[in-house]
Amino acid sequence: GNKQAIATIDIQKYISDEVGVLYLKDVLKE
């Protein structure tokens, strides 16, 4: 629920063979 902190997250750091950009965007949105 911390929108300010979530906005600073660079999802590129968490991409892997199993986890892609679309998946991570949904995680942050949720």
Full PDB file with SEQRES, HELIX, SHEET, SSBOND, CRYST1, ORIGX, SCALE, CONECT and MASTER records, all heavy atoms in Angstrom:
SEQRES   1 A   30  GLY ASN LYS GLN ALA ILE ALA THR ILE ASP ILE GLN LYS          
SEQRES   2 A   30  TYR ILE SER ASP GLU VAL GLY VAL LEU TYR LEU LYS ASP          
SEQRES   3 A   30  VAL LEU LYS GLU                                              
HELIX    1 AA1 LYS A    3  ILE A    6  1                                   4    
HELIX    2 AA2 ILE A   11  TYR A   14  5                                   4    
HELIX    3 AA3 VAL A   21  LYS A   29  1                                   9    
CRYST1    1.000    1.000    1.000  90.00  90.00  90.00 P 1           1          
ORIGX1      1.000000  0.000000  0.000000        0.00000                         
ORIGX2      0.000000  1.000000  0.000000        0.00000                         
ORIGX3      0.000000  0.000000  1.000000        0.00000                         
SCALE1      1.000000  0.000000  0.000000        0.00000                         
SCALE2      0.000000  1.000000  0.000000        0.00000                         
SCALE3      0.000000  0.000000  1.000000        0.00000                         
ATOM      1  N   GLY A   1       0.793  -1.223   0.000  1.00  0.00           N  
ATOM      2  CA  GLY A   1       0.000   0.000   0.000  1.00  0.00           C  
ATOM      3  C   GLY A   1       0.822   1.268   0.000  1.00  0.00           C  
ATOM      4  O   GLY A   1       0.267   2.375  -0.036  1.00  0.00           O  
ATOM      5  N   ASN A   2       2.151   1.152   0.013  1.00  0.00           N  
ATOM      6  CA  ASN A   2       3.046   2.317   0.043  1.00  0.00           C  
ATOM      7  C   ASN A   2       3.370   2.726  -1.396  1.00  0.00           C  
ATOM      8  O   ASN A   2       4.392   2.335  -1.964  1.00  0.00           O  
ATOM      9  CB  ASN A   2       4.319   1.958   0.814  1.00  0.00           C  
ATOM     10  CG  ASN A   2       5.208   3.164   1.074  1.00  0.00           C  
ATOM     11  OD1 ASN A   2       5.134   4.168   0.371  1.00  0.00           O  
ATOM     12  ND2 ASN A   2       6.049   3.053   2.099  1.00  0.00           N  
ATOM     13  N   LYS A   3       2.496   3.525  -1.998  1.00  0.00           N  
ATOM     14  CA  LYS A   3       2.648   3.884  -3.407  1.00  0.00           C  
ATOM     15  C   LYS A   3       3.961   4.618  -3.675  1.00  0.00           C  
ATOM     16  O   LYS A   3       4.596   4.424  -4.716  1.00  0.00           O  
ATOM     17  CB  LYS A   3       1.476   4.756  -3.853  1.00  0.00           C  
ATOM     18  CG  LYS A   3       0.149   4.035  -3.897  1.00  0.00           C  
ATOM     19  CD  LYS A   3      -0.936   4.934  -4.464  1.00  0.00           C  
ATOM     20  CE  LYS A   3      -2.270   4.209  -4.522  1.00  0.00           C  
ATOM     21  NZ  LYS A   3      -3.352   5.062  -5.089  1.00  0.00           N  
ATOM     22  N   GLN A   4       4.355   5.447  -2.731  1.00  0.00           N  
ATOM     23  CA  GLN A   4       5.587   6.229  -2.925  1.00  0.00           C  
ATOM     24  C   GLN A   4       6.799   5.313  -3.012  1.00  0.00           C  
ATOM     25  O   GLN A   4       7.650   5.464  -3.893  1.00  0.00           O  
ATOM     26  CB  GLN A   4       5.752   7.216  -1.758  1.00  0.00           C  
ATOM     27  CG  GLN A   4       6.876   8.227  -1.970  1.00  0.00           C  
ATOM     28  CD  GLN A   4       6.904   9.293  -0.871  1.00  0.00           C  
ATOM     29  OE1 GLN A   4       6.047   9.304   0.011  1.00  0.00           O  
ATOM     30  NE2 GLN A   4       7.873  10.174  -0.936  1.00  0.00           N  
ATOM     31  N   ALA A   5       6.866   4.338  -2.121  1.00  0.00           N  
ATOM     32  CA  ALA A   5       8.007   3.413  -2.129  1.00  0.00           C  
ATOM     33  C   ALA A   5       7.946   2.495  -3.345  1.00  0.00           C  
ATOM     34  O   ALA A   5       8.972   2.223  -3.993  1.00  0.00           O  
ATOM     35  CB  ALA A   5       8.007   2.586  -0.847  1.00  0.00           C  
ATOM     36  N   ILE A   6       6.748   2.033  -3.675  1.00  0.00           N  
ATOM     37  CA  ILE A   6       6.585   1.119  -4.812  1.00  0.00           C  
ATOM     38  C   ILE A   6       7.016   1.794  -6.110  1.00  0.00           C  
ATOM     39  O   ILE A   6       7.590   1.155  -6.999  1.00  0.00           O  
ATOM     40  CB  ILE A   6       5.124   0.638  -4.891  1.00  0.00           C  
ATOM     41  CG1 ILE A   6       4.809  -0.279  -3.698  1.00  0.00           C  
ATOM     42  CG2 ILE A   6       4.846  -0.109  -6.199  1.00  0.00           C  
ATOM     43  CD1 ILE A   6       3.335  -0.587  -3.509  1.00  0.00           C  
ATOM     44  N   ALA A   7       6.748   3.095  -6.229  1.00  0.00           N  
ATOM     45  CA  ALA A   7       7.094   3.836  -7.447  1.00  0.00           C  
ATOM     46  C   ALA A   7       8.604   3.877  -7.690  1.00  0.00           C  
ATOM     47  O   ALA A   7       9.046   4.107  -8.820  1.00  0.00           O  
ATOM     48  CB  ALA A   7       6.530   5.246  -7.366  1.00  0.00           C  
ATOM     49  N   THR A   8       9.404   3.655  -6.649  1.00  0.00           N  
ATOM     50  CA  THR A   8      10.874   3.723  -6.802  1.00  0.00           C  
ATOM     51  C   THR A   8      11.483   2.381  -7.194  1.00  0.00           C  
ATOM     52  O   THR A   8      12.681   2.303  -7.470  1.00  0.00           O  
ATOM     53  CB  THR A   8      11.521   4.192  -5.486  1.00  0.00           C  
ATOM     54  OG1 THR A   8      11.332   3.177  -4.471  1.00  0.00           O  
ATOM     55  CG2 THR A   8      10.919   5.503  -5.008  1.00  0.00           C  
ATOM     56  N   ILE A   9      10.693   1.317  -7.219  1.00  0.00           N  
ATOM     57  CA  ILE A   9      11.225  -0.022  -7.493  1.00  0.00           C  
ATOM     58  C   ILE A   9      11.580  -0.171  -8.975  1.00  0.00           C  
ATOM     59  O   ILE A   9      10.766   0.135  -9.855  1.00  0.00           O  
ATOM     60  CB  ILE A   9      10.207  -1.109  -7.085  1.00  0.00           C  
ATOM     61  CG1 ILE A   9       9.995  -1.081  -5.564  1.00  0.00           C  
ATOM     62  CG2 ILE A   9      10.667  -2.501  -7.531  1.00  0.00           C  
ATOM     63  CD1 ILE A   9       8.904  -2.015  -5.072  1.00  0.00           C  
ATOM     64  N   ASP A  10      12.781  -0.624  -9.240  1.00  0.00           N  
ATOM     65  CA  ASP A  10      13.232  -0.902 -10.602  1.00  0.00           C  
ATOM     66  C   ASP A  10      13.015  -2.393 -10.871  1.00  0.00           C  
ATOM     67  O   ASP A  10      13.779  -3.240 -10.406  1.00  0.00           O  
ATOM     68  CB  ASP A  10      14.716  -0.539 -10.750  1.00  0.00           C  
ATOM     69  CG  ASP A  10      15.252  -0.857 -12.146  1.00  0.00           C  
ATOM     70  OD1 ASP A  10      14.434  -1.172 -13.033  1.00  0.00           O  
ATOM     71  OD2 ASP A  10      16.484  -0.790 -12.333  1.00  0.00           O  
ATOM     72  N   ILE A  11      11.978  -2.708 -11.628  1.00  0.00           N  
ATOM     73  CA  ILE A  11      11.623  -4.118 -11.821  1.00  0.00           C  
ATOM     74  C   ILE A  11      12.676  -4.883 -12.621  1.00  0.00           C  
ATOM     75  O   ILE A  11      12.717  -6.117 -12.564  1.00  0.00           O  
ATOM     76  CB  ILE A  11      10.242  -4.279 -12.496  1.00  0.00           C  
ATOM     77  CG1 ILE A  11      10.208  -3.609 -13.863  1.00  0.00           C  
ATOM     78  CG2 ILE A  11       9.142  -3.757 -11.606  1.00  0.00           C  
ATOM     79  CD1 ILE A  11       8.898  -3.832 -14.606  1.00  0.00           C  
ATOM     80  N   GLN A  12      13.526  -4.164 -13.341  1.00  0.00           N  
ATOM     81  CA  GLN A  12      14.567  -4.847 -14.125  1.00  0.00           C  
ATOM     82  C   GLN A  12      15.474  -5.680 -13.228  1.00  0.00           C  
ATOM     83  O   GLN A  12      16.027  -6.703 -13.657  1.00  0.00           O  
ATOM     84  CB  GLN A  12      15.401  -3.823 -14.897  1.00  0.00           C  
ATOM     85  CG  GLN A  12      14.613  -3.019 -15.934  1.00  0.00           C  
ATOM     86  CD  GLN A  12      14.049  -3.886 -17.042  1.00  0.00           C  
ATOM     87  OE1 GLN A  12      14.688  -4.844 -17.471  1.00  0.00           O  
ATOM     88  NE2 GLN A  12      12.845  -3.572 -17.500  1.00  0.00           N  
ATOM     89  N   LYS A  13      15.615  -5.256 -11.971  1.00  0.00           N  
ATOM     90  CA  LYS A  13      16.496  -5.959 -11.030  1.00  0.00           C  
ATOM     91  C   LYS A  13      15.947  -7.338 -10.645  1.00  0.00           C  
ATOM     92  O   LYS A  13      16.692  -8.188 -10.160  1.00  0.00           O  
ATOM     93  CB  LYS A  13      16.660  -5.131  -9.748  1.00  0.00           C  
ATOM     94  CG  LYS A  13      17.460  -3.852  -9.925  1.00  0.00           C  
ATOM     95  CD  LYS A  13      17.374  -2.973  -8.684  1.00  0.00           C  
ATOM     96  CE  LYS A  13      17.844  -3.713  -7.438  1.00  0.00           C  
ATOM     97  NZ  LYS A  13      17.779  -2.830  -6.235  1.00  0.00           N  
ATOM     98  N   TYR A  14      14.666  -7.563 -10.875  1.00  0.00           N  
ATOM     99  CA  TYR A  14      14.039  -8.784 -10.375  1.00  0.00           C  
ATOM    100  C   TYR A  14      13.611  -9.738 -11.495  1.00  0.00           C  
ATOM    101  O   TYR A  14      12.991 -10.763 -11.236  1.00  0.00           O  
ATOM    102  CB  TYR A  14      12.825  -8.414  -9.509  1.00  0.00           C  
ATOM    103  CG  TYR A  14      13.196  -7.451  -8.409  1.00  0.00           C  
ATOM    104  CD1 TYR A  14      12.974  -6.078  -8.567  1.00  0.00           C  
ATOM    105  CD2 TYR A  14      13.819  -7.893  -7.246  1.00  0.00           C  
ATOM    106  CE1 TYR A  14      13.346  -5.176  -7.577  1.00  0.00           C  
ATOM    107  CE2 TYR A  14      14.194  -6.992  -6.245  1.00  0.00           C  
ATOM    108  CZ  TYR A  14      13.963  -5.638  -6.427  1.00  0.00           C  
ATOM    109  OH  TYR A  14      14.341  -4.759  -5.446  1.00  0.00           O  
ATOM    110  N   ILE A  15      13.961  -9.384 -12.729  1.00  0.00           N  
ATOM    111  CA  ILE A  15      13.629 -10.251 -13.860  1.00  0.00           C  
ATOM    112  C   ILE A  15      14.533 -11.481 -13.851  1.00  0.00           C  
ATOM    113  O   ILE A  15      15.725 -11.394 -13.557  1.00  0.00           O  
ATOM    114  CB  ILE A  15      13.783  -9.488 -15.199  1.00  0.00           C  
ATOM    115  CG1 ILE A  15      12.732  -8.375 -15.295  1.00  0.00           C  
ATOM    116  CG2 ILE A  15      13.654 -10.431 -16.396  1.00  0.00           C  
ATOM    117  CD1 ILE A  15      12.901  -7.472 -16.504  1.00  0.00           C  
ATOM    118  N   SER A  16      13.946 -12.631 -14.146  1.00  0.00           N  
ATOM    119  CA  SER A  16      14.711 -13.879 -14.217  1.00  0.00           C  
ATOM    120  C   SER A  16      14.124 -14.743 -15.335  1.00  0.00           C  
ATOM    121  O   SER A  16      13.214 -14.317 -16.046  1.00  0.00           O  
ATOM    122  CB  SER A  16      14.618 -14.639 -12.886  1.00  0.00           C  
ATOM    123  OG  SER A  16      13.281 -15.068 -12.652  1.00  0.00           O  
ATOM    124  N   ASP A  17      14.652 -15.947 -15.476  1.00  0.00           N  
ATOM    125  CA  ASP A  17      14.122 -16.848 -16.498  1.00  0.00           C  
ATOM    126  C   ASP A  17      12.669 -17.213 -16.218  1.00  0.00           C  
ATOM    127  O   ASP A  17      11.888 -17.480 -17.135  1.00  0.00           O  
ATOM    128  CB  ASP A  17      14.957 -18.146 -16.556  1.00  0.00           C  
ATOM    129  CG  ASP A  17      16.358 -17.886 -17.090  1.00  0.00           C  
ATOM    130  OD1 ASP A  17      16.538 -16.846 -17.763  1.00  0.00           O  
ATOM    131  OD2 ASP A  17      17.254 -18.717 -16.830  1.00  0.00           O  
ATOM    132  N   GLU A  18      12.301 -17.241 -14.950  1.00  0.00           N  
ATOM    133  CA  GLU A  18      10.940 -17.624 -14.562  1.00  0.00           C  
ATOM    134  C   GLU A  18       9.996 -16.425 -14.445  1.00  0.00           C  
ATOM    135  O   GLU A  18       8.783 -16.570 -14.570  1.00  0.00           O  
ATOM    136  CB  GLU A  18      10.950 -18.353 -13.207  1.00  0.00           C  
ATOM    137  CG  GLU A  18      11.618 -19.718 -13.217  1.00  0.00           C  
ATOM    138  CD  GLU A  18      13.140 -19.625 -13.202  1.00  0.00           C  
ATOM    139  OE1 GLU A  18      13.664 -18.639 -12.633  1.00  0.00           O  
ATOM    140  OE2 GLU A  18      13.787 -20.517 -13.775  1.00  0.00           O  
ATOM    141  N   VAL A  19      10.538 -15.255 -14.188  1.00  0.00           N  
ATOM    142  CA  VAL A  19       9.714 -14.081 -13.900  1.00  0.00           C  
ATOM    143  C   VAL A  19      10.031 -12.969 -14.891  1.00  0.00           C  
ATOM    144  O   VAL A  19      11.181 -12.554 -15.018  1.00  0.00           O  
ATOM    145  CB  VAL A  19       9.959 -13.571 -12.462  1.00  0.00           C  
ATOM    146  CG1 VAL A  19       9.124 -12.327 -12.203  1.00  0.00           C  
ATOM    147  CG2 VAL A  19       9.619 -14.654 -11.452  1.00  0.00           C  
ATOM    148  N   GLY A  20       8.978 -12.501 -15.604  1.00  0.00           N  
ATOM    149  CA  GLY A  20       9.174 -11.468 -16.608  1.00  0.00           C  
ATOM    150  C   GLY A  20       8.595 -10.125 -16.203  1.00  0.00           C  
ATOM    151  O   GLY A  20       8.055  -9.949 -15.108  1.00  0.00           O  
ATOM    152  N   VAL A  21       8.680  -9.179 -17.132  1.00  0.00           N  
ATOM    153  CA  VAL A  21       8.256  -7.802 -16.876  1.00  0.00           C  
ATOM    154  C   VAL A  21       6.762  -7.721 -16.563  1.00  0.00           C  
ATOM    155  O   VAL A  21       6.354  -7.038 -15.617  1.00  0.00           O  
ATOM    156  CB  VAL A  21       8.584  -6.911 -18.098  1.00  0.00           C  
ATOM    157  CG1 VAL A  21       7.974  -5.523 -17.924  1.00  0.00           C  
ATOM    158  CG2 VAL A  21      10.081  -6.797 -18.283  1.00  0.00           C  
ATOM    159  N   LEU A  22       5.930  -8.407 -17.361  1.00  0.00           N  
ATOM    160  CA  LEU A  22       4.480  -8.327 -17.159  1.00  0.00           C  
ATOM    161  C   LEU A  22       4.073  -8.865 -15.796  1.00  0.00           C  
ATOM    162  O   LEU A  22       3.200  -8.295 -15.124  1.00  0.00           O  
ATOM    163  CB  LEU A  22       3.757  -9.107 -18.263  1.00  0.00           C  
ATOM    164  CG  LEU A  22       3.949  -8.575 -19.692  1.00  0.00           C  
ATOM    165  CD1 LEU A  22       3.313  -9.517 -20.704  1.00  0.00           C  
ATOM    166  CD2 LEU A  22       3.341  -7.177 -19.825  1.00  0.00           C  
ATOM    167  N   TYR A  23       4.702  -9.947 -15.391  1.00  0.00           N  
ATOM    168  CA  TYR A  23       4.418 -10.550 -14.083  1.00  0.00           C  
ATOM    169  C   TYR A  23       4.750  -9.545 -12.980  1.00  0.00           C  
ATOM    170  O   TYR A  23       3.955  -9.314 -12.061  1.00  0.00           O  
ATOM    171  CB  TYR A  23       5.255 -11.817 -13.932  1.00  0.00           C  
ATOM    172  CG  TYR A  23       4.920 -12.667 -12.722  1.00  0.00           C  
ATOM    173  CD1 TYR A  23       4.126 -13.800 -12.840  1.00  0.00           C  
ATOM    174  CD2 TYR A  23       5.405 -12.350 -11.450  1.00  0.00           C  
ATOM    175  CE1 TYR A  23       3.827 -14.587 -11.746  1.00  0.00           C  
ATOM    176  CE2 TYR A  23       5.115 -13.127 -10.350  1.00  0.00           C  
ATOM    177  CZ  TYR A  23       4.323 -14.250 -10.493  1.00  0.00           C  
ATOM    178  OH  TYR A  23       4.029 -15.025  -9.395  1.00  0.00           O  
ATOM    179  N   LEU A  24       5.922  -8.933 -13.065  1.00  0.00           N  
ATOM    180  CA  LEU A  24       6.369  -7.999 -12.025  1.00  0.00           C  
ATOM    181  C   LEU A  24       5.510  -6.741 -11.988  1.00  0.00           C  
ATOM    182  O   LEU A  24       5.236  -6.207 -10.907  1.00  0.00           O  
ATOM    183  CB  LEU A  24       7.835  -7.640 -12.253  1.00  0.00           C  
ATOM    184  CG  LEU A  24       8.824  -8.793 -12.011  1.00  0.00           C  
ATOM    185  CD1 LEU A  24      10.203  -8.429 -12.517  1.00  0.00           C  
ATOM    186  CD2 LEU A  24       8.874  -9.159 -10.523  1.00  0.00           C  
ATOM    187  N   LYS A  25       5.077  -6.282 -13.145  1.00  0.00           N  
ATOM    188  CA  LYS A  25       4.195  -5.110 -13.168  1.00  0.00           C  
ATOM    189  C   LYS A  25       2.889  -5.405 -12.438  1.00  0.00           C  
ATOM    190  O   LYS A  25       2.362  -4.548 -11.710  1.00  0.00           O  
ATOM    191  CB  LYS A  25       3.905  -4.697 -14.613  1.00  0.00           C  
ATOM    192  CG  LYS A  25       5.043  -3.946 -15.282  1.00  0.00           C  
ATOM    193  CD  LYS A  25       4.644  -3.495 -16.689  1.00  0.00           C  
ATOM    194  CE  LYS A  25       5.750  -2.667 -17.333  1.00  0.00           C  
ATOM    195  NZ  LYS A  25       5.382  -2.247 -18.713  1.00  0.00           N  
ATOM    196  N   ASP A  26       2.361  -6.622 -12.627  1.00  0.00           N  
ATOM    197  CA  ASP A  26       1.131  -7.013 -11.926  1.00  0.00           C  
ATOM    198  C   ASP A  26       1.354  -7.096 -10.416  1.00  0.00           C  
ATOM    199  O   ASP A  26       0.477  -6.737  -9.626  1.00  0.00           O  
ATOM    200  CB  ASP A  26       0.627  -8.365 -12.444  1.00  0.00           C  
ATOM    201  CG  ASP A  26      -0.168  -8.233 -13.736  1.00  0.00           C  
ATOM    202  OD1 ASP A  26      -0.520  -7.092 -14.094  1.00  0.00           O  
ATOM    203  OD2 ASP A  26      -0.426  -9.257 -14.388  1.00  0.00           O  
ATOM    204  N   VAL A  27       2.537  -7.572 -10.017  1.00  0.00           N  
ATOM    205  CA  VAL A  27       2.860  -7.655  -8.583  1.00  0.00           C  
ATOM    206  C   VAL A  27       2.851  -6.260  -7.968  1.00  0.00           C  
ATOM    207  O   VAL A  27       2.239  -6.033  -6.909  1.00  0.00           O  
ATOM    208  CB  VAL A  27       4.231  -8.334  -8.371  1.00  0.00           C  
ATOM    209  CG1 VAL A  27       4.689  -8.159  -6.922  1.00  0.00           C  
ATOM    210  CG2 VAL A  27       4.154  -9.817  -8.712  1.00  0.00           C  
ATOM    211  N   LEU A  28       3.515  -5.303  -8.642  1.00  0.00           N  
ATOM    212  CA  LEU A  28       3.575  -3.938  -8.105  1.00  0.00           C  
ATOM    213  C   LEU A  28       2.188  -3.299  -8.071  1.00  0.00           C  
ATOM    214  O   LEU A  28       1.841  -2.605  -7.105  1.00  0.00           O  
ATOM    215  CB  LEU A  28       4.512  -3.078  -8.955  1.00  0.00           C  
ATOM    216  CG  LEU A  28       6.001  -3.467  -8.949  1.00  0.00           C  
ATOM    217  CD1 LEU A  28       6.819  -2.436  -9.701  1.00  0.00           C  
ATOM    218  CD2 LEU A  28       6.527  -3.604  -7.522  1.00  0.00           C  
ATOM    219  N   LYS A  29       1.400  -3.547  -9.109  1.00  0.00           N  
ATOM    220  CA  LYS A  29       0.046  -3.000  -9.153  1.00  0.00           C  
ATOM    221  C   LYS A  29      -0.787  -3.527  -8.000  1.00  0.00           C  
ATOM    222  O   LYS A  29      -1.566  -2.791  -7.376  1.00  0.00           O  
ATOM    223  CB  LYS A  29      -0.593  -3.374 -10.496  1.00  0.00           C  
ATOM    224  CG  LYS A  29      -1.961  -2.748 -10.734  1.00  0.00           C  
ATOM    225  CD  LYS A  29      -2.477  -3.139 -12.107  1.00  0.00           C  
ATOM    226  CE  LYS A  29      -3.874  -2.558 -12.351  1.00  0.00           C  
ATOM    227  NZ  LYS A  29      -4.407  -2.945 -13.678  1.00  0.00           N  
ATOM    228  N   GLU A  30      -0.631  -4.810  -7.699  1.00  0.00           N  
ATOM    229  CA  GLU A  30      -1.382  -5.410  -6.604  1.00  0.00           C  
ATOM    230  C   GLU A  30      -0.885  -4.921  -5.253  1.00  0.00           C  
ATOM    231  O   GLU A  30      -1.672  -4.740  -4.322  1.00  0.00           O  
ATOM    232  CB  GLU A  30      -1.289  -6.940  -6.685  1.00  0.00           C  
ATOM    233  CG  GLU A  30      -2.156  -7.687  -5.680  1.00  0.00           C  
ATOM    234  CD  GLU A  30      -3.643  -7.425  -5.847  1.00  0.00           C  
ATOM    235  OE1 GLU A  30      -4.078  -7.059  -6.961  1.00  0.00           O  
ATOM    236  OE2 GLU A  30      -4.380  -7.570  -4.849  1.00  0.00           O  
TER     237      GLU A  30                                                      
MASTER        0    0    0    3    0    0    0    6  236    1    0    3          
END                                                                             
